[in-house]
PDB file of all heavy atoms in Angstrom:
ATOM      1  N   GLY A   1       0.783  -1.225   0.000  1.00  0.00           N
ATOM      2  CA  GLY A   1       0.000   0.000   0.000  1.00  0.00           C
ATOM      3  C   GLY A   1       0.812   1.271   0.000  1.00  0.00           C
ATOM      4  O   GLY A   1       0.244   2.370  -0.048  1.00  0.00           O
ATOM      5  N   ASN A   2       2.138   1.150   0.048  1.00  0.00           N
ATOM      6  CA  ASN A   2       3.008   2.326   0.073  1.00  0.00           C
ATOM      7  C   ASN A   2       3.817   2.430  -1.207  1.00  0.00           C
ATOM      8  O   ASN A   2       3.987   1.452  -1.938  1.00  0.00           O
ATOM      9  CB  ASN A   2       3.979   2.254   1.255  1.00  0.00           C
ATOM     10  CG  ASN A   2       3.285   2.408   2.589  1.00  0.00           C
ATOM     11  OD1 ASN A   2       2.081   2.642   2.643  1.00  0.00           O
ATOM     12  ND2 ASN A   2       4.037   2.272   3.659  1.00  0.00           N
ATOM     13  N   GLU A   3       4.332   3.634  -1.447  1.00  0.00           N
ATOM     14  CA  GLU A   3       5.231   3.824  -2.573  1.00  0.00           C
ATOM     15  C   GLU A   3       6.623   3.312  -2.214  1.00  0.00           C
ATOM     16  O   GLU A   3       6.988   3.201  -1.047  1.00  0.00           O
ATOM     17  CB  GLU A   3       5.302   5.306  -2.940  1.00  0.00           C
ATOM     18  CG  GLU A   3       4.013   5.880  -3.477  1.00  0.00           C
ATOM     19  CD  GLU A   3       4.167   7.308  -3.950  1.00  0.00           C
ATOM     20  OE1 GLU A   3       5.248   7.884  -3.756  1.00  0.00           O
ATOM     21  OE2 GLU A   3       3.205   7.849  -4.515  1.00  0.00           O
ATOM     22  N   ARG A   4       7.398   2.998  -3.253  1.00  0.00           N
ATOM     23  CA  ARG A   4       8.782   2.596  -3.030  1.00  0.00           C
ATOM     24  C   ARG A   4       9.559   3.799  -2.503  1.00  0.00           C
ATOM     25  O   ARG A   4       9.422   4.914  -3.025  1.00  0.00           O
ATOM     26  CB  ARG A   4       9.392   2.082  -4.332  1.00  0.00           C
ATOM     27  CG  ARG A   4      10.670   1.311  -4.154  1.00  0.00           C
ATOM     28  CD  ARG A   4      11.090   0.607  -5.435  1.00  0.00           C
ATOM     29  NE  ARG A   4      10.175  -0.462  -5.795  1.00  0.00           N
ATOM     30  CZ  ARG A   4      10.420  -1.354  -6.755  1.00  0.00           C
ATOM     31  NH1 ARG A   4      11.566  -1.296  -7.433  1.00  0.00           N
ATOM     32  NH2 ARG A   4       9.534  -2.290  -7.038  1.00  0.00           N
ATOM     33  N   GLU A   5      10.348   3.565  -1.468  1.00  0.00           N
ATOM     34  CA  GLU A   5      11.065   4.668  -0.837  1.00  0.00           C
ATOM     35  C   GLU A   5      12.550   4.359  -0.677  1.00  0.00           C
ATOM     36  O   GLU A   5      12.948   3.190  -0.568  1.00  0.00           O
ATOM     37  CB  GLU A   5      10.471   4.988   0.548  1.00  0.00           C
ATOM     38  CG  GLU A   5      10.604   3.882   1.560  1.00  0.00           C
ATOM     39  CD  GLU A   5      10.129   4.292   2.949  1.00  0.00           C
ATOM     40  OE1 GLU A   5       9.675   5.430   3.135  1.00  0.00           O
ATOM     41  OE2 GLU A   5      10.222   3.442   3.862  1.00  0.00           O
ATOM     42  N   LEU A   6      13.334   5.421  -0.641  1.00  0.00           N
ATOM     43  CA  LEU A   6      14.773   5.298  -0.450  1.00  0.00           C
ATOM     44  C   LEU A   6      15.077   4.744   0.943  1.00  0.00           C
ATOM     45  O   LEU A   6      14.527   5.210   1.945  1.00  0.00           O
ATOM     46  CB  LEU A   6      15.437   6.667  -0.602  1.00  0.00           C
ATOM     47  CG  LEU A   6      16.895   6.762  -0.169  1.00  0.00           C
ATOM     48  CD1 LEU A   6      17.798   6.012  -1.143  1.00  0.00           C
ATOM     49  CD2 LEU A   6      17.324   8.230  -0.059  1.00  0.00           C
ATOM     50  N   VAL A   7      15.984   3.759   0.973  1.00  0.00           N
ATOM     51  CA  VAL A   7      16.549   3.303   2.241  1.00  0.00           C
ATOM     52  C   VAL A   7      17.962   3.872   2.368  1.00  0.00           C
ATOM     53  O   VAL A   7      18.258   4.630   3.273  1.00  0.00           O
ATOM     54  CB  VAL A   7      16.571   1.773   2.329  1.00  0.00           C
ATOM     55  CG1 VAL A   7      17.225   1.334   3.632  1.00  0.00           C
ATOM     56  CG2 VAL A   7      15.155   1.206   2.216  1.00  0.00           C
ATOM     57  N   ALA A   8      18.840   3.499   1.431  1.00  0.00           N
ATOM     58  CA  ALA A   8      20.216   4.003   1.462  1.00  0.00           C
ATOM     59  C   ALA A   8      20.861   3.773   0.106  1.00  0.00           C
ATOM     60  O   ALA A   8      20.625   2.744  -0.521  1.00  0.00           O
ATOM     61  CB  ALA A   8      21.031   3.308   2.550  1.00  0.00           C
ATOM     62  N   MET A   9      21.670   4.733  -0.313  1.00  0.00           N
ATOM     63  CA  MET A   9      22.432   4.617  -1.553  1.00  0.00           C
ATOM     64  C   MET A   9      23.853   5.068  -1.282  1.00  0.00           C
ATOM     65  O   MET A   9      24.106   5.900  -0.409  1.00  0.00           O
ATOM     66  CB  MET A   9      21.825   5.476  -2.660  1.00  0.00           C
ATOM     67  CG  MET A   9      20.441   5.067  -3.122  1.00  0.00           C
ATOM     68  SD  MET A   9      20.393   3.479  -3.985  1.00  0.00           S
ATOM     69  CE  MET A   9      21.123   3.918  -5.564  1.00  0.00           C
ATOM     70  N   MET A  10      24.798   4.510  -2.064  1.00  0.00           N
ATOM     71  CA  MET A  10      26.204   4.887  -1.940  1.00  0.00           C
ATOM     72  C   MET A  10      26.803   4.962  -3.335  1.00  0.00           C
ATOM     73  O   MET A  10      26.638   4.031  -4.125  1.00  0.00           O
ATOM     74  CB  MET A  10      26.972   3.876  -1.083  1.00  0.00           C
ATOM     75  CG  MET A  10      28.466   4.151  -0.986  1.00  0.00           C
ATOM     76  SD  MET A  10      29.362   2.914  -0.027  1.00  0.00           S
ATOM     77  CE  MET A  10      29.013   3.451   1.638  1.00  0.00           C
ATOM     78  N   ASN A  11      27.536   6.046  -3.623  1.00  0.00           N
ATOM     79  CA  ASN A  11      28.174   6.136  -4.940  1.00  0.00           C
ATOM     80  C   ASN A  11      29.613   5.629  -4.876  1.00  0.00           C
ATOM     81  O   ASN A  11      30.084   5.175  -3.829  1.00  0.00           O
ATOM     82  CB  ASN A  11      28.078   7.559  -5.494  1.00  0.00           C
ATOM     83  CG  ASN A  11      28.914   8.557  -4.709  1.00  0.00           C
ATOM     84  OD1 ASN A  11      29.759   8.188  -3.892  1.00  0.00           O
ATOM     85  ND2 ASN A  11      28.688   9.833  -4.956  1.00  0.00           N
ATOM     86  N   SER A  12      30.308   5.718  -5.982  1.00  0.00           N
ATOM     87  CA  SER A  12      31.657   5.164  -6.057  1.00  0.00           C
ATOM     88  C   SER A  12      32.657   5.929  -5.190  1.00  0.00           C
ATOM     89  O   SER A  12      33.735   5.409  -4.896  1.00  0.00           O
ATOM     90  CB  SER A  12      32.141   5.143  -7.509  1.00  0.00           C
ATOM     91  OG  SER A  12      32.071   6.438  -8.066  1.00  0.00           O
ATOM     92  N   ASP A  13      32.314   7.147  -4.779  1.00  0.00           N
ATOM     93  CA  ASP A  13      33.159   7.912  -3.850  1.00  0.00           C
ATOM     94  C   ASP A  13      32.758   7.667  -2.402  1.00  0.00           C
ATOM     95  O   ASP A  13      33.214   8.365  -1.495  1.00  0.00           O
ATOM     96  CB  ASP A  13      33.054   9.408  -4.157  1.00  0.00           C
ATOM     97  CG  ASP A  13      33.646   9.755  -5.499  1.00  0.00           C
ATOM     98  OD1 ASP A  13      34.678   9.148  -5.866  1.00  0.00           O
ATOM     99  OD2 ASP A  13      33.086  10.616  -6.203  1.00  0.00           O
ATOM    100  N   GLU A  14      31.856   6.687  -2.223  1.00  0.00           N
ATOM    101  CA  GLU A  14      31.365   6.300  -0.890  1.00  0.00           C
ATOM    102  C   GLU A  14      30.580   7.413  -0.205  1.00  0.00           C
ATOM    103  O   GLU A  14      30.505   7.461   1.021  1.00  0.00           O
ATOM    104  CB  GLU A  14      32.492   5.776  -0.008  1.00  0.00           C
ATOM    105  CG  GLU A  14      33.176   4.545  -0.582  1.00  0.00           C
ATOM    106  CD  GLU A  14      34.099   3.849   0.383  1.00  0.00           C
ATOM    107  OE1 GLU A  14      34.363   4.393   1.464  1.00  0.00           O
ATOM    108  OE2 GLU A  14      34.577   2.749   0.056  1.00  0.00           O
ATOM    109  N   VAL A  15      30.009   8.286  -1.005  1.00  0.00           N
ATOM    110  CA  VAL A  15      29.064   9.271  -0.464  1.00  0.00           C
ATOM    111  C   VAL A  15      27.725   8.573  -0.299  1.00  0.00           C
ATOM    112  O   VAL A  15      27.261   7.882  -1.200  1.00  0.00           O
ATOM    113  CB  VAL A  15      28.938  10.480  -1.403  1.00  0.00           C
ATOM    114  CG1 VAL A  15      27.870  11.439  -0.892  1.00  0.00           C
ATOM    115  CG2 VAL A  15      30.275  11.179  -1.543  1.00  0.00           C
ATOM    116  N   THR A  16      27.114   8.746   0.853  1.00  0.00           N
ATOM    117  CA  THR A  16      25.887   8.016   1.167  1.00  0.00           C
ATOM    118  C   THR A  16      24.684   8.946   1.274  1.00  0.00           C
ATOM    119  O   THR A  16      24.809  10.144   1.527  1.00  0.00           O
ATOM    120  CB  THR A  16      26.027   7.258   2.489  1.00  0.00           C
ATOM    121  OG1 THR A  16      26.330   8.188   3.534  1.00  0.00           O
ATOM    122  CG2 THR A  16      27.135   6.212   2.408  1.00  0.00           C
ATOM    123  N   ASP A  17      23.531   8.356   1.081  1.00  0.00           N
ATOM    124  CA  ASP A  17      22.261   9.051   1.241  1.00  0.00           C
ATOM    125  C   ASP A  17      21.318   8.074   1.916  1.00  0.00           C
ATOM    126  O   ASP A  17      21.129   6.957   1.411  1.00  0.00           O
ATOM    127  CB  ASP A  17      21.718   9.480  -0.125  1.00  0.00           C
ATOM    128  CG  ASP A  17      20.477  10.342  -0.008  1.00  0.00           C
ATOM    129  OD1 ASP A  17      20.197  10.873   1.086  1.00  0.00           O
ATOM    130  OD2 ASP A  17      19.766  10.497  -1.031  1.00  0.00           O
ATOM    131  N   TYR A  18      20.740   8.465   3.038  1.00  0.00           N
ATOM    132  CA  TYR A  18      19.846   7.602   3.797  1.00  0.00           C
ATOM    133  C   TYR A  18      18.444   8.186   3.857  1.00  0.00           C
ATOM    134  O   TYR A  18      18.263   9.407   3.944  1.00  0.00           O
ATOM    135  CB  TYR A  18      20.341   7.426   5.236  1.00  0.00           C
ATOM    136  CG  TYR A  18      21.572   6.567   5.385  1.00  0.00           C
ATOM    137  CD1 TYR A  18      22.843   7.136   5.413  1.00  0.00           C
ATOM    138  CD2 TYR A  18      21.461   5.186   5.521  1.00  0.00           C
ATOM    139  CE1 TYR A  18      23.970   6.357   5.558  1.00  0.00           C
ATOM    140  CE2 TYR A  18      22.586   4.389   5.677  1.00  0.00           C
ATOM    141  CZ  TYR A  18      23.837   4.979   5.692  1.00  0.00           C
ATOM    142  OH  TYR A  18      24.956   4.194   5.838  1.00  0.00           O
ATOM    143  N   GLY A  19      17.459   7.299   3.885  1.00  0.00           N
ATOM    144  CA  GLY A  19      16.102   7.730   4.153  1.00  0.00           C
ATOM    145  C   GLY A  19      15.991   8.174   5.610  1.00  0.00           C
ATOM    146  O   GLY A  19      16.670   7.627   6.483  1.00  0.00           O
ATOM    147  N   ALA A  20      15.124   9.145   5.863  1.00  0.00           N
ATOM    148  CA  ALA A  20      15.033   9.728   7.204  1.00  0.00           C
ATOM    149  C   ALA A  20      14.672   8.686   8.259  1.00  0.00           C
ATOM    150  O   ALA A  20      15.153   8.758   9.404  1.00  0.00           O
ATOM    151  CB  ALA A  20      14.021  10.864   7.200  1.00  0.00           C
ATOM    152  N   SER A  21      13.846   7.736   7.898  1.00  0.00           N
ATOM    153  CA  SER A  21      13.341   6.791   8.894  1.00  0.00           C
ATOM    154  C   SER A  21      14.375   5.745   9.308  1.00  0.00           C
ATOM    155  O   SER A  21      14.162   5.029  10.288  1.00  0.00           O
ATOM    156  CB  SER A  21      12.095   6.090   8.361  1.00  0.00           C
ATOM    157  OG  SER A  21      12.406   5.357   7.205  1.00  0.00           O
ATOM    158  N   VAL A  22      15.487   5.643   8.587  1.00  0.00           N
ATOM    159  CA  VAL A  22      16.481   4.613   8.916  1.00  0.00           C
ATOM    160  C   VAL A  22      17.805   5.189   9.395  1.00  0.00           C
ATOM    161  O   VAL A  22      18.693   4.439   9.817  1.00  0.00           O
ATOM    162  CB  VAL A  22      16.739   3.683   7.713  1.00  0.00           C
ATOM    163  CG1 VAL A  22      15.424   3.102   7.193  1.00  0.00           C
ATOM    164  CG2 VAL A  22      17.516   4.376   6.605  1.00  0.00           C
ATOM    165  N   LYS A  23      17.958   6.499   9.339  1.00  0.00           N
ATOM    166  CA  LYS A  23      19.216   7.121   9.766  1.00  0.00           C
ATOM    167  C   LYS A  23      19.528   6.749  11.215  1.00  0.00           C
ATOM    168  O   LYS A  23      18.661   6.803  12.078  1.00  0.00           O
ATOM    169  CB  LYS A  23      19.119   8.641   9.629  1.00  0.00           C
ATOM    170  CG  LYS A  23      19.316   9.145   8.219  1.00  0.00           C
ATOM    171  CD  LYS A  23      19.283  10.667   8.170  1.00  0.00           C
ATOM    172  CE  LYS A  23      19.492  11.163   6.758  1.00  0.00           C
ATOM    173  NZ  LYS A  23      19.413  12.636   6.664  1.00  0.00           N
ATOM    174  N   GLY A  24      20.783   6.359  11.431  1.00  0.00           N
ATOM    175  CA  GLY A  24      21.210   5.988  12.781  1.00  0.00           C
ATOM    176  C   GLY A  24      20.972   4.527  13.112  1.00  0.00           C
ATOM    177  O   GLY A  24      21.502   4.026  14.109  1.00  0.00           O
ATOM    178  N   ARG A  25      20.188   3.838  12.289  1.00  0.00           N
ATOM    179  CA  ARG A  25      19.911   2.411  12.538  1.00  0.00           C
ATOM    180  C   ARG A  25      20.474   1.506  11.440  1.00  0.00           C
ATOM    181  O   ARG A  25      20.876   0.379  11.715  1.00  0.00           O
ATOM    182  CB  ARG A  25      18.401   2.178  12.646  1.00  0.00           C
ATOM    183  CG  ARG A  25      17.733   2.938  13.770  1.00  0.00           C
ATOM    184  CD  ARG A  25      16.265   2.525  13.929  1.00  0.00           C
ATOM    185  NE  ARG A  25      15.474   2.816  12.746  1.00  0.00           N
ATOM    186  CZ  ARG A  25      14.791   1.900  12.043  1.00  0.00           C
ATOM    187  NH1 ARG A  25      14.811   0.636  12.426  1.00  0.00           N
ATOM    188  NH2 ARG A  25      14.087   2.253  10.991  1.00  0.00           N
ATOM    189  N   PHE A  26      20.465   1.989  10.215  1.00  0.00           N
ATOM    190  CA  PHE A  26      20.946   1.203   9.077  1.00  0.00           C
ATOM    191  C   PHE A  26      22.272   1.769   8.586  1.00  0.00           C
ATOM    192  O   PHE A  26      22.489   2.994   8.627  1.00  0.00           O
ATOM    193  CB  PHE A  26      19.952   1.260   7.927  1.00  0.00           C
ATOM    194  CG  PHE A  26      18.647   0.557   8.182  1.00  0.00           C
ATOM    195  CD1 PHE A  26      18.289   0.070   9.423  1.00  0.00           C
ATOM    196  CD2 PHE A  26      17.745   0.378   7.133  1.00  0.00           C
ATOM    197  CE1 PHE A  26      17.082  -0.571   9.638  1.00  0.00           C
ATOM    198  CE2 PHE A  26      16.531  -0.262   7.327  1.00  0.00           C
ATOM    199  CZ  PHE A  26      16.194  -0.720   8.583  1.00  0.00           C
ATOM    200  N   THR A  27      23.126   0.874   8.083  1.00  0.00           N
ATOM    201  CA  THR A  27      24.416   1.289   7.533  1.00  0.00           C
ATOM    202  C   THR A  27      24.656   0.595   6.202  1.00  0.00           C
ATOM    203  O   THR A  27      24.560  -0.631   6.119  1.00  0.00           O
ATOM    204  CB  THR A  27      25.562   0.947   8.488  1.00  0.00           C
ATOM    205  OG1 THR A  27      25.338   1.565   9.763  1.00  0.00           O
ATOM    206  CG2 THR A  27      26.896   1.446   7.933  1.00  0.00           C
ATOM    207  N   ILE A  28      24.964   1.383   5.191  1.00  0.00           N
ATOM    208  CA  ILE A  28      25.269   0.839   3.876  1.00  0.00           C
ATOM    209  C   ILE A  28      26.786   0.786   3.694  1.00  0.00           C
ATOM    210  O   ILE A  28      27.516   1.667   4.173  1.00  0.00           O
ATOM    211  CB  ILE A  28      24.613   1.672   2.750  1.00  0.00           C
ATOM    212  CG1 ILE A  28      24.754   0.977   1.402  1.00  0.00           C
ATOM    213  CG2 ILE A  28      25.152   3.097   2.712  1.00  0.00           C
ATOM    214  CD1 ILE A  28      23.942   1.611   0.287  1.00  0.00           C
ATOM    215  N   SER A  29      27.251  -0.262   3.038  1.00  0.00           N
ATOM    216  CA  SER A  29      28.661  -0.385   2.717  1.00  0.00           C
ATOM    217  C   SER A  29      28.780  -1.127   1.388  1.00  0.00           C
ATOM    218  O   SER A  29      27.801  -1.708   0.903  1.00  0.00           O
ATOM    219  CB  SER A  29      29.420  -1.137   3.824  1.00  0.00           C
ATOM    220  OG  SER A  29      28.910  -2.440   3.987  1.00  0.00           O
ATOM    221  N   ARG A  30      29.964  -1.095   0.799  1.00  0.00           N
ATOM    222  CA  ARG A  30      30.133  -1.785  -0.476  1.00  0.00           C
ATOM    223  C   ARG A  30      31.546  -2.336  -0.614  1.00  0.00           C
ATOM    224  O   ARG A  30      32.485  -1.832  -0.015  1.00  0.00           O
ATOM    225  CB  ARG A  30      29.779  -0.869  -1.654  1.00  0.00           C
ATOM    226  CG  ARG A  30      30.640   0.356  -1.794  1.00  0.00           C
ATOM    227  CD  ARG A  30      30.067   1.285  -2.863  1.00  0.00           C
ATOM    228  NE  ARG A  30      30.273   0.760  -4.208  1.00  0.00           N
ATOM    229  CZ  ARG A  30      29.740   1.307  -5.313  1.00  0.00           C
ATOM    230  NH1 ARG A  30      28.970   2.372  -5.215  1.00  0.00           N
ATOM    231  NH2 ARG A  30      29.978   0.795  -6.494  1.00  0.00           N
ATOM    232  N   ASP A  31      31.628  -3.385  -1.428  1.00  0.00           N
ATOM    233  CA  ASP A  31      32.905  -3.993  -1.801  1.00  0.00           C
ATOM    234  C   ASP A  31      33.027  -3.798  -3.302  1.00  0.00           C
ATOM    235  O   ASP A  31      32.408  -4.522  -4.085  1.00  0.00           O
ATOM    236  CB  ASP A  31      32.913  -5.471  -1.409  1.00  0.00           C
ATOM    237  CG  ASP A  31      34.241  -6.150  -1.700  1.00  0.00           C
ATOM    238  OD1 ASP A  31      34.990  -5.672  -2.578  1.00  0.00           O
ATOM    239  OD2 ASP A  31      34.527  -7.172  -1.060  1.00  0.00           O
TER     240      ASP A  31
END
């Protein structure tokens, strides 16, 4: 019943963007 929403994204420079509802609880990382 909800729209798709941002959780977290990371670019190749490791700059991150988090959705407001998950900040401080979720952590994105990449290999």
